[in-house]
C-alpha atoms as a PDB file:
ATOM      1  CA  MET A   1       0.000   0.000   0.000  1.00  0.00           C
ATOM      2  CA  GLY A   2       1.447   3.349  -1.009  1.00  0.00           C
ATOM      3  CA  ARG A   3       1.328   6.634   0.741  1.00  0.00           C
ATOM      4  CA  GLN A   4      -1.653   8.820  -0.111  1.00  0.00           C
ATOM      5  CA  LYS A   5      -0.920  11.921  -2.118  1.00  0.00           C
ATOM      6  CA  GLU A   6      -1.246  15.033   0.011  1.00  0.00           C
ATOM      7  CA  GLU A   7      -3.829  17.629  -0.862  1.00  0.00           C
ATOM      8  CA  PRO A   8      -2.318  20.970  -1.793  1.00  0.00           C
ATOM      9  CA  LEU A   9      -1.886  23.500   0.978  1.00  0.00           C
ATOM     10  CA  PHE A  10      -2.334  27.110  -0.093  1.00  0.00           C
ATOM     11  CA  ASN A  11      -0.558  29.918   1.713  1.00  0.00           C
ATOM     12  CA  ARG A  12       0.005  33.648   1.903  1.00  0.00           C
ATOM     13  CA  ILE A  13       3.512  33.499   3.332  1.00  0.00           C
ATOM     14  CA  GLU A  14       5.124  35.556   0.590  1.00  0.00           C
ATOM     15  CA  GLN A  15       2.532  38.341   0.801  1.00  0.00           C
ATOM     16  CA  ALA A  16       2.840  38.508   4.595  1.00  0.00           C
ATOM     17  CA  ARG A  17       6.648  38.402   4.447  1.00  0.00           C
ATOM     18  CA  VAL A  18       6.843  41.206   1.888  1.00  0.00           C
ATOM     19  CA  ALA A  19       4.333  43.296   3.855  1.00  0.00           C
ATOM     20  CA  ARG A  20       6.637  42.973   6.891  1.00  0.00           C
ATOM     21  CA  GLY A  21       9.648  43.992   4.813  1.00  0.00           C
ATOM     22  CA  LEU A  22      11.437  40.693   5.436  1.00  0.00           C
ATOM     23  CA  SER A  23      13.675  38.794   3.066  1.00  0.00           C
ATOM     24  CA  ARG A  24      13.422  35.024   2.827  1.00  0.00           C
ATOM     25  CA  GLN A  25      16.708  34.826   4.728  1.00  0.00           C
ATOM     26  CA  GLN A  26      15.422  37.037   7.560  1.00  0.00           C
ATOM     27  CA  LEU A  27      12.200  35.051   7.893  1.00  0.00           C
ATOM     28  CA  ALA A  28      14.117  31.772   7.810  1.00  0.00           C
ATOM     29  CA  GLU A  29      16.426  32.917  10.601  1.00  0.00           C
ATOM     30  CA  ALA A  30      13.460  34.094  12.682  1.00  0.00           C
ATOM     31  CA  VAL A  31      11.709  30.707  12.485  1.00  0.00           C
ATOM     32  CA  GLY A  32      14.815  28.491  12.525  1.00  0.00           C
ATOM     33  CA  VAL A  33      14.880  27.009   9.014  1.00  0.00           C
ATOM     34  CA  HIS A  34      17.061  27.297   5.912  1.00  0.00           C
ATOM     35  CA  TYR A  35      16.117  30.160   3.576  1.00  0.00           C
ATOM     36  CA  GLN A  36      15.396  27.662   0.779  1.00  0.00           C
ATOM     37  CA  THR A  37      12.662  26.152   2.942  1.00  0.00           C
ATOM     38  CA  ILE A  38      10.860  29.498   2.865  1.00  0.00           C
ATOM     39  CA  GLY A  39      10.991  29.407  -0.932  1.00  0.00           C
ATOM     40  CA  TYR A  40       9.605  25.867  -1.003  1.00  0.00           C
ATOM     41  CA  LEU A  41       6.807  26.909   1.326  1.00  0.00           C
ATOM     42  CA  GLU A  42       5.939  30.034  -0.661  1.00  0.00           C
ATOM     43  CA  ARG A  43       5.740  28.028  -3.908  1.00  0.00           C
ATOM     44  CA  GLY A  44       3.576  25.360  -2.278  1.00  0.00           C
ATOM     45  CA  GLU A  45       6.227  22.665  -2.792  1.00  0.00           C
ATOM     46  CA  TYR A  46       6.411  21.837   0.911  1.00  0.00           C
ATOM     47  CA  SER A  47       3.854  21.709   3.701  1.00  0.00           C
ATOM     48  CA  PRO A  48       5.102  22.898   7.083  1.00  0.00           C
ATOM     49  CA  SER A  49       4.821  21.024  10.332  1.00  0.00           C
ATOM     50  CA  LEU A  50       2.327  22.442  12.791  1.00  0.00           C
ATOM     51  CA  THR A  51       5.197  23.839  14.846  1.00  0.00           C
ATOM     52  CA  LEU A  52       6.684  25.642  11.844  1.00  0.00           C
ATOM     53  CA  ALA A  53       3.263  26.953  10.788  1.00  0.00           C
ATOM     54  CA  LEU A  54       2.775  28.395  14.290  1.00  0.00           C
ATOM     55  CA  ARG A  55       6.249  29.981  14.253  1.00  0.00           C
ATOM     56  CA  LEU A  56       5.604  31.543  10.840  1.00  0.00           C
ATOM     57  CA  ALA A  57       2.254  32.918  11.991  1.00  0.00           C
ATOM     58  CA  GLU A  58       3.809  34.431  15.105  1.00  0.00           C
ATOM     59  CA  VAL A  59       6.723  36.073  13.279  1.00  0.00           C
ATOM     60  CA  LEU A  60       4.491  37.348  10.477  1.00  0.00           C
ATOM     61  CA  GLY A  61       1.845  38.644  12.901  1.00  0.00           C
ATOM     62  CA  HIS A  62      -1.036  36.585  11.520  1.00  0.00           C
ATOM     63  CA  GLY A  63      -3.183  33.706  12.660  1.00  0.00           C
ATOM     64  CA  VAL A  64      -2.370  30.331  11.130  1.00  0.00           C
ATOM     65  CA  GLN A  65      -5.784  30.347   9.430  1.00  0.00           C
ATOM     66  CA  ASP A  66      -4.875  33.655   7.742  1.00  0.00           C
ATOM     67  CA  LEU A  67      -1.676  32.182   6.282  1.00  0.00           C
ATOM     68  CA  PHE A  68      -2.720  28.644   5.340  1.00  0.00           C
ATOM     69  CA  SER A  69      -5.779  27.087   3.719  1.00  0.00           C
ATOM     70  CA  ILE A  70      -6.810  23.870   2.001  1.00  0.00           C
ATOM     71  CA  GLN A  71      -8.854  26.044  -0.381  1.00  0.00           C
ATOM     72  CA  PRO A  72      -7.277  28.608  -2.730  1.00  0.00           C
ATOM     73  CA  PHE A  73      -7.305  32.141  -1.386  1.00  0.00           C
ATOM     74  CA  GLN A  74      -9.350  34.680  -3.309  1.00  0.00           C
ATOM     75  CA  LYS A  75      -7.312  37.220  -5.213  1.00  0.00           C
ATOM     76  CA  ASN A  76      -7.591  40.756  -3.872  1.00  0.00           C
END
């Protein structure tokens, strides 16, 4: 039996990061990951652990539900 394919996880990390004036490197250092991980997250190529999602939300000043969704976010 194989592993089930994960559903996509949509996020607003890049928008929140840019609004805070943070580079990927700065955000990565603040949450304790490599800067490439931030890129993977922003492109939707990687789903964060709950702990990382909570750290990102705290640093970016948003609730987890404002940053992540299983449904696409509406364009503003």
